[in-house]
């Protein structure tokens, strides 16, 4: 929400019509103007423990191995875990992007750029396309976090369990500082994608940090 849009919303928040309940959702409270926050009752939704999500997935028929991986990949979001369980399309998307990720770490720069070409086939810059890129960045981020966990000897925190062999292999290639730096760049890239910045430039600049 832009500042202008937030200011336009203020009057509605200050003088809502009778029997009106307005719910505002954000993943970053700091991105909202203080004038908006001061007129709202803040309700925080915390992450659901992995073991609870795991139990729910088992109850819905997932195998123990699949349930554990999906529960860890949900990062406390039951909805994300259920989406992975219910949608073969989303699961295949996740798996295909993991394959792309490993290639980005092993290919030459020219091959990396070629493997990303299909992400920018459309000349239209729709928010839907940006949302897909943000989803891909989140997948890459989970893998980098797993590499960092493995690097630090915290293998029990690895979310992508089925990729553990490759994760251990890559953990030997990078220092903790390098991995942390890439994770931060992914966060910054996702933030830029939410703004009016060229997506192709953002992603290509990001993969230069994949060494």
C-alpha atoms as a PDB file:
ATOM      1  CA  UNK A   1       0.000   0.000   0.000  1.00  0.00           C
ATOM      2  CA  UNK A   2       1.417   3.367  -0.998  1.00  0.00           C
ATOM      3  CA  UNK A   3       1.447   6.319   1.415  1.00  0.00           C
ATOM      4  CA  UNK A   4      -1.276   8.026  -0.644  1.00  0.00           C
ATOM      5  CA  UNK A   5      -3.464   4.918  -0.459  1.00  0.00           C
ATOM      6  CA  UNK A   6      -2.846   4.616   3.285  1.00  0.00           C
ATOM      7  CA  UNK A   7      -3.851   8.242   3.834  1.00  0.00           C
ATOM      8  CA  UNK A   8      -7.011   7.693   1.803  1.00  0.00           C
ATOM      9  CA  UNK A   9      -7.886   4.763   4.050  1.00  0.00           C
ATOM     10  CA  UNK A  10      -7.485   6.755   7.260  1.00  0.00           C
ATOM     11  CA  UNK A  11     -10.935   8.360   7.155  1.00  0.00           C
ATOM     12  CA  UNK A  12     -12.576   4.951   6.700  1.00  0.00           C
ATOM     13  CA  UNK A  13     -10.643   3.594   9.667  1.00  0.00           C
ATOM     14  CA  UNK A  14     -11.531   6.599  11.811  1.00  0.00           C
ATOM     15  CA  UNK A  15     -15.221   6.644  10.886  1.00  0.00           C
ATOM     16  CA  UNK A  16     -16.289   3.179   9.690  1.00  0.00           C
ATOM     17  CA  UNK A  17     -19.917   2.625   8.760  1.00  0.00           C
ATOM     18  CA  UNK A  18     -22.085   0.845  11.378  1.00  0.00           C
ATOM     19  CA  UNK A  19     -21.513  -2.890  11.916  1.00  0.00           C
ATOM     20  CA  UNK A  20     -18.333  -2.828   9.871  1.00  0.00           C
ATOM     21  CA  UNK A  21     -15.269  -4.914  10.665  1.00  0.00           C
ATOM     22  CA  UNK A  22     -12.142  -4.102   8.665  1.00  0.00           C
ATOM     23  CA  UNK A  23      -9.302  -6.613   8.683  1.00  0.00           C
ATOM     24  CA  UNK A  24      -5.903  -5.498   7.378  1.00  0.00           C
ATOM     25  CA  UNK A  25      -3.232  -8.125   6.734  1.00  0.00           C
ATOM     26  CA  UNK A  26       0.502  -7.551   6.400  1.00  0.00           C
ATOM     27  CA  UNK A  27       3.656  -9.627   6.516  1.00  0.00           C
ATOM     28  CA  UNK A  28       5.691  -6.577   7.546  1.00  0.00           C
ATOM     29  CA  UNK A  29       4.257  -4.249  10.168  1.00  0.00           C
ATOM     30  CA  UNK A  30       7.154  -1.838   9.644  1.00  0.00           C
ATOM     31  CA  UNK A  31       5.972  -1.230   6.086  1.00  0.00           C
ATOM     32  CA  UNK A  32       2.760   0.389   7.361  1.00  0.00           C
ATOM     33  CA  UNK A  33       2.530   4.068   8.323  1.00  0.00           C
ATOM     34  CA  UNK A  34       2.234   4.742  12.060  1.00  0.00           C
ATOM     35  CA  UNK A  35      -1.061   6.536  11.388  1.00  0.00           C
ATOM     36  CA  UNK A  36      -2.583   3.249  10.166  1.00  0.00           C
ATOM     37  CA  UNK A  37      -1.181   1.121  13.002  1.00  0.00           C
ATOM     38  CA  UNK A  38      -2.368   3.568  15.674  1.00  0.00           C
ATOM     39  CA  UNK A  39      -5.941   3.196  14.484  1.00  0.00           C
ATOM     40  CA  UNK A  40      -5.928  -0.600  14.541  1.00  0.00           C
ATOM     41  CA  UNK A  41      -5.920  -3.351  17.119  1.00  0.00           C
ATOM     42  CA  UNK A  42      -2.838  -5.430  16.330  1.00  0.00           C
ATOM     43  CA  UNK A  43      -3.337  -9.199  16.384  1.00  0.00           C
ATOM     44  CA  UNK A  44      -0.228 -11.313  15.785  1.00  0.00           C
ATOM     45  CA  UNK A  45      -0.416 -14.774  14.227  1.00  0.00           C
ATOM     46  CA  UNK A  46       2.480 -16.921  15.343  1.00  0.00           C
ATOM     47  CA  UNK A  47       3.931 -19.982  13.639  1.00  0.00           C
ATOM     48  CA  UNK A  48       2.336 -23.340  14.379  1.00  0.00           C
ATOM     49  CA  UNK A  49       4.822 -25.902  15.775  1.00  0.00           C
ATOM     50  CA  UNK A  50       6.171 -28.324  13.167  1.00  0.00           C
ATOM     51  CA  UNK A  51       5.064 -31.356  15.192  1.00  0.00           C
ATOM     52  CA  UNK A  52       1.432 -30.160  15.131  1.00  0.00           C
ATOM     53  CA  UNK A  53       1.480 -29.630  11.373  1.00  0.00           C
ATOM     54  CA  UNK A  54       3.172 -33.022  10.960  1.00  0.00           C
ATOM     55  CA  UNK A  55       0.427 -34.727  12.995  1.00  0.00           C
ATOM     56  CA  UNK A  56      -2.285 -33.021  10.942  1.00  0.00           C
ATOM     57  CA  UNK A  57      -0.694 -34.137   7.669  1.00  0.00           C
ATOM     58  CA  UNK A  58      -0.417 -37.719   8.921  1.00  0.00           C
ATOM     59  CA  UNK A  59      -4.100 -37.597   9.850  1.00  0.00           C
ATOM     60  CA  UNK A  60      -4.885 -36.525   6.283  1.00  0.00           C
ATOM     61  CA  UNK A  61      -3.077 -39.540   4.827  1.00  0.00           C
ATOM     62  CA  UNK A  62       0.462 -38.286   4.137  1.00  0.00           C
ATOM     63  CA  UNK A  63       3.330 -40.728   4.615  1.00  0.00           C
ATOM     64  CA  UNK A  64       5.637 -40.030   7.570  1.00  0.00           C
ATOM     65  CA  UNK A  65       8.559 -38.982   5.358  1.00  0.00           C
ATOM     66  CA  UNK A  66       6.425 -36.703   3.164  1.00  0.00           C
ATOM     67  CA  UNK A  67       4.598 -35.271   6.177  1.00  0.00           C
ATOM     68  CA  UNK A  68       7.851 -34.376   7.923  1.00  0.00           C
ATOM     69  CA  UNK A  69       9.287 -32.633   4.873  1.00  0.00           C
ATOM     70  CA  UNK A  70       6.073 -30.716   4.124  1.00  0.00           C
ATOM     71  CA  UNK A  71       5.714 -29.742   7.783  1.00  0.00           C
ATOM     72  CA  UNK A  72       9.244 -28.334   7.840  1.00  0.00           C
ATOM     73  CA  UNK A  73       8.794 -26.594   4.477  1.00  0.00           C
ATOM     74  CA  UNK A  74       5.638 -24.918   5.742  1.00  0.00           C
ATOM     75  CA  UNK A  75       7.690 -22.879   8.243  1.00  0.00           C
ATOM     76  CA  UNK A  76       4.811 -22.777  10.674  1.00  0.00           C
ATOM     77  CA  UNK A  77       2.055 -22.155   8.124  1.00  0.00           C
ATOM     78  CA  UNK A  78      -0.586 -24.930   8.098  1.00  0.00           C
ATOM     79  CA  UNK A  79      -2.069 -23.513   4.898  1.00  0.00           C
ATOM     80  CA  UNK A  80       1.220 -23.881   3.027  1.00  0.00           C
ATOM     81  CA  UNK A  81       1.583 -27.474   4.229  1.00  0.00           C
ATOM     82  CA  UNK A  82      -1.969 -28.356   3.175  1.00  0.00           C
ATOM     83  CA  UNK A  83      -1.400 -26.753  -0.230  1.00  0.00           C
ATOM     84  CA  UNK A  84       1.629 -28.981  -0.812  1.00  0.00           C
ATOM     85  CA  UNK A  85      -0.358 -32.034   0.261  1.00  0.00           C
ATOM     86  CA  UNK A  86      -3.475 -31.263  -1.771  1.00  0.00           C
ATOM     87  CA  UNK A  87      -1.998 -29.847  -4.973  1.00  0.00           C
ATOM     88  CA  UNK A  88       0.187 -32.006  -7.182  1.00  0.00           C
ATOM     89  CA  UNK A  89       0.729 -28.949  -9.379  1.00  0.00           C
ATOM     90  CA  UNK A  90       2.219 -26.930  -6.502  1.00  0.00           C
ATOM     91  CA  UNK A  91       4.311 -29.886  -5.406  1.00  0.00           C
ATOM     92  CA  UNK A  92       5.686 -30.346  -8.936  1.00  0.00           C
ATOM     93  CA  UNK A  93       6.402 -26.614  -9.138  1.00  0.00           C
ATOM     94  CA  UNK A  94       8.351 -26.827  -5.876  1.00  0.00           C
ATOM     95  CA  UNK A  95      10.302 -29.856  -7.086  1.00  0.00           C
ATOM     96  CA  UNK A  96      11.109 -28.315 -10.493  1.00  0.00           C
ATOM     97  CA  UNK A  97      12.408 -25.148  -8.869  1.00  0.00           C
ATOM     98  CA  UNK A  98      14.677 -27.191  -6.617  1.00  0.00           C
ATOM     99  CA  UNK A  99      16.146 -28.796  -9.746  1.00  0.00           C
ATOM    100  CA  UNK A 100      16.682 -25.327 -11.245  1.00  0.00           C
ATOM    101  CA  UNK A 101      18.347 -24.188  -8.021  1.00  0.00           C
ATOM    102  CA  UNK A 102      20.968 -26.947  -8.032  1.00  0.00           C
ATOM    103  CA  UNK A 103      21.773 -26.161 -11.664  1.00  0.00           C
ATOM    104  CA  UNK A 104      22.287 -22.509 -10.753  1.00  0.00           C
ATOM    105  CA  UNK A 105      24.964 -23.590  -8.291  1.00  0.00           C
ATOM    106  CA  UNK A 106      26.816 -25.840 -10.734  1.00  0.00           C
ATOM    107  CA  UNK A 107      26.392 -24.211 -14.169  1.00  0.00           C
ATOM    108  CA  UNK A 108      28.436 -21.467 -15.796  1.00  0.00           C
ATOM    109  CA  UNK A 109      27.048 -17.928 -15.755  1.00  0.00           C
ATOM    110  CA  UNK A 110      25.832 -18.239 -19.348  1.00  0.00           C
ATOM    111  CA  UNK A 111      24.046 -21.504 -18.491  1.00  0.00           C
ATOM    112  CA  UNK A 112      22.515 -19.890 -15.402  1.00  0.00           C
ATOM    113  CA  UNK A 113      21.078 -17.038 -17.448  1.00  0.00           C
ATOM    114  CA  UNK A 114      19.736 -19.507 -20.029  1.00  0.00           C
ATOM    115  CA  UNK A 115      18.019 -21.565 -17.327  1.00  0.00           C
ATOM    116  CA  UNK A 116      16.197 -18.442 -16.141  1.00  0.00           C
ATOM    117  CA  UNK A 117      15.032 -17.351 -19.603  1.00  0.00           C
ATOM    118  CA  UNK A 118      11.591 -18.949 -19.318  1.00  0.00           C
ATOM    119  CA  UNK A 119      10.824 -16.797 -16.288  1.00  0.00           C
ATOM    120  CA  UNK A 120      10.781 -13.688 -18.468  1.00  0.00           C
ATOM    121  CA  UNK A 121       9.073 -14.897 -21.655  1.00  0.00           C
ATOM    122  CA  UNK A 122       6.116 -12.591 -21.184  1.00  0.00           C
ATOM    123  CA  UNK A 123       6.616  -8.947 -22.134  1.00  0.00           C
ATOM    124  CA  UNK A 124       3.859  -7.980 -19.720  1.00  0.00           C
ATOM    125  CA  UNK A 125       4.914  -7.060 -16.215  1.00  0.00           C
ATOM    126  CA  UNK A 126       1.909  -8.333 -14.259  1.00  0.00           C
ATOM    127  CA  UNK A 127       1.824  -8.688 -10.508  1.00  0.00           C
ATOM    128  CA  UNK A 128       0.975 -12.372 -11.011  1.00  0.00           C
ATOM    129  CA  UNK A 129       4.341 -12.887 -12.708  1.00  0.00           C
ATOM    130  CA  UNK A 130       6.089 -11.055  -9.861  1.00  0.00           C
ATOM    131  CA  UNK A 131       4.249 -13.207  -7.303  1.00  0.00           C
ATOM    132  CA  UNK A 132       5.553 -16.333  -9.055  1.00  0.00           C
ATOM    133  CA  UNK A 133       9.105 -14.989  -8.900  1.00  0.00           C
ATOM    134  CA  UNK A 134       8.691 -14.264  -5.190  1.00  0.00           C
ATOM    135  CA  UNK A 135       7.498 -17.865  -4.697  1.00  0.00           C
ATOM    136  CA  UNK A 136      10.632 -19.078  -6.486  1.00  0.00           C
ATOM    137  CA  UNK A 137      12.847 -16.880  -4.323  1.00  0.00           C
ATOM    138  CA  UNK A 138      11.226 -18.371  -1.228  1.00  0.00           C
ATOM    139  CA  UNK A 139      12.100 -21.868  -2.459  1.00  0.00           C
ATOM    140  CA  UNK A 140      15.700 -20.804  -3.096  1.00  0.00           C
ATOM    141  CA  UNK A 141      15.814 -19.238   0.337  1.00  0.00           C
ATOM    142  CA  UNK A 142      14.697 -22.442   2.066  1.00  0.00           C
ATOM    143  CA  UNK A 143      17.482 -24.310   0.288  1.00  0.00           C
ATOM    144  CA  UNK A 144      20.125 -21.753   1.253  1.00  0.00           C
ATOM    145  CA  UNK A 145      18.905 -21.897   4.851  1.00  0.00           C
ATOM    146  CA  UNK A 146      19.204 -25.669   4.755  1.00  0.00           C
ATOM    147  CA  UNK A 147      22.754 -25.362   3.413  1.00  0.00           C
ATOM    148  CA  UNK A 148      23.534 -22.975   6.273  1.00  0.00           C
ATOM    149  CA  UNK A 149      21.984 -25.339   8.848  1.00  0.00           C
ATOM    150  CA  UNK A 150      24.039 -28.226   7.480  1.00  0.00           C
ATOM    151  CA  UNK A 151      27.151 -26.056   7.465  1.00  0.00           C
ATOM    152  CA  UNK A 152      26.602 -25.255  11.140  1.00  0.00           C
ATOM    153  CA  UNK A 153      26.017 -28.879  12.099  1.00  0.00           C
ATOM    154  CA  UNK A 154      22.284 -28.436  12.645  1.00  0.00           C
ATOM    155  CA  UNK A 155      21.072 -31.089  10.217  1.00  0.00           C
ATOM    156  CA  UNK A 156      17.927 -31.655  12.269  1.00  0.00           C
ATOM    157  CA  UNK A 157      16.728 -28.216  11.082  1.00  0.00           C
ATOM    158  CA  UNK A 158      16.978 -29.071   7.374  1.00  0.00           C
ATOM    159  CA  UNK A 159      13.557 -28.624   5.748  1.00  0.00           C
ATOM    160  CA  UNK A 160      14.250 -30.128   2.311  1.00  0.00           C
ATOM    161  CA  UNK A 161      14.875 -33.603   3.705  1.00  0.00           C
ATOM    162  CA  UNK A 162      14.777 -35.313   0.298  1.00  0.00           C
ATOM    163  CA  UNK A 163      17.640 -33.049  -0.854  1.00  0.00           C
ATOM    164  CA  UNK A 164      19.877 -33.713   2.149  1.00  0.00           C
ATOM    165  CA  UNK A 165      22.710 -35.361   0.178  1.00  0.00           C
ATOM    166  CA  UNK A 166      23.061 -32.363  -2.152  1.00  0.00           C
ATOM    167  CA  UNK A 167      22.643 -29.935   0.746  1.00  0.00           C
ATOM    168  CA  UNK A 168      25.573 -31.521   2.609  1.00  0.00           C
ATOM    169  CA  UNK A 169      27.665 -31.391  -0.562  1.00  0.00           C
ATOM    170  CA  UNK A 170      26.985 -27.684  -1.098  1.00  0.00           C
ATOM    171  CA  UNK A 171      27.558 -26.875   2.589  1.00  0.00           C
ATOM    172  CA  UNK A 172      31.234 -27.723   2.076  1.00  0.00           C
ATOM    173  CA  UNK A 173      31.590 -25.175  -0.733  1.00  0.00           C
ATOM    174  CA  UNK A 174      30.501 -22.027   1.079  1.00  0.00           C
ATOM    175  CA  UNK A 175      31.385 -20.249   4.294  1.00  0.00           C
ATOM    176  CA  UNK A 176      28.665 -19.303   6.761  1.00  0.00           C
ATOM    177  CA  UNK A 177      29.202 -15.634   5.897  1.00  0.00           C
ATOM    178  CA  UNK A 178      28.765 -16.299   2.171  1.00  0.00           C
ATOM    179  CA  UNK A 179      25.532 -18.201   2.717  1.00  0.00           C
ATOM    180  CA  UNK A 180      24.136 -15.576   5.086  1.00  0.00           C
ATOM    181  CA  UNK A 181      24.994 -12.896   2.517  1.00  0.00           C
ATOM    182  CA  UNK A 182      23.094 -14.694  -0.242  1.00  0.00           C
ATOM    183  CA  UNK A 183      20.055 -15.198   2.004  1.00  0.00           C
ATOM    184  CA  UNK A 184      20.025 -11.463   2.719  1.00  0.00           C
ATOM    185  CA  UNK A 185      20.259 -10.675  -1.002  1.00  0.00           C
ATOM    186  CA  UNK A 186      17.284 -12.939  -1.673  1.00  0.00           C
ATOM    187  CA  UNK A 187      15.271 -11.033   0.947  1.00  0.00           C
ATOM    188  CA  UNK A 188      16.260  -7.737  -0.672  1.00  0.00           C
ATOM    189  CA  UNK A 189      15.384  -9.076  -4.138  1.00  0.00           C
ATOM    190  CA  UNK A 190      11.916 -10.113  -2.978  1.00  0.00           C
ATOM    191  CA  UNK A 191      11.383  -6.619  -1.554  1.00  0.00           C
ATOM    192  CA  UNK A 192      12.444  -5.047  -4.870  1.00  0.00           C
ATOM    193  CA  UNK A 193      10.068  -7.320  -6.797  1.00  0.00           C
ATOM    194  CA  UNK A 194       7.206  -5.797  -4.808  1.00  0.00           C
ATOM    195  CA  UNK A 195       8.263  -2.405  -6.148  1.00  0.00           C
ATOM    196  CA  UNK A 196       8.400  -1.089  -9.691  1.00  0.00           C
ATOM    197  CA  UNK A 197      11.840  -2.527 -10.477  1.00  0.00           C
ATOM    198  CA  UNK A 198      12.650  -4.609 -13.562  1.00  0.00           C
ATOM    199  CA  UNK A 199      12.276  -8.300 -12.499  1.00  0.00           C
ATOM    200  CA  UNK A 200      14.864  -9.556 -15.013  1.00  0.00           C
ATOM    201  CA  UNK A 201      17.533  -7.203 -13.659  1.00  0.00           C
ATOM    202  CA  UNK A 202      16.701  -8.203 -10.074  1.00  0.00           C
ATOM    203  CA  UNK A 203      17.000 -11.963 -10.673  1.00  0.00           C
ATOM    204  CA  UNK A 204      20.069 -11.761 -12.894  1.00  0.00           C
ATOM    205  CA  UNK A 205      21.836  -9.557 -10.351  1.00  0.00           C
ATOM    206  CA  UNK A 206      20.896 -11.997  -7.600  1.00  0.00           C
ATOM    207  CA  UNK A 207      22.347 -15.094  -9.258  1.00  0.00           C
ATOM    208  CA  UNK A 208      25.698 -13.330  -9.647  1.00  0.00           C
ATOM    209  CA  UNK A 209      25.990 -13.824  -5.872  1.00  0.00           C
ATOM    210  CA  UNK A 210      25.553 -17.595  -6.249  1.00  0.00           C
ATOM    211  CA  UNK A 211      29.317 -17.769  -7.017  1.00  0.00           C
END
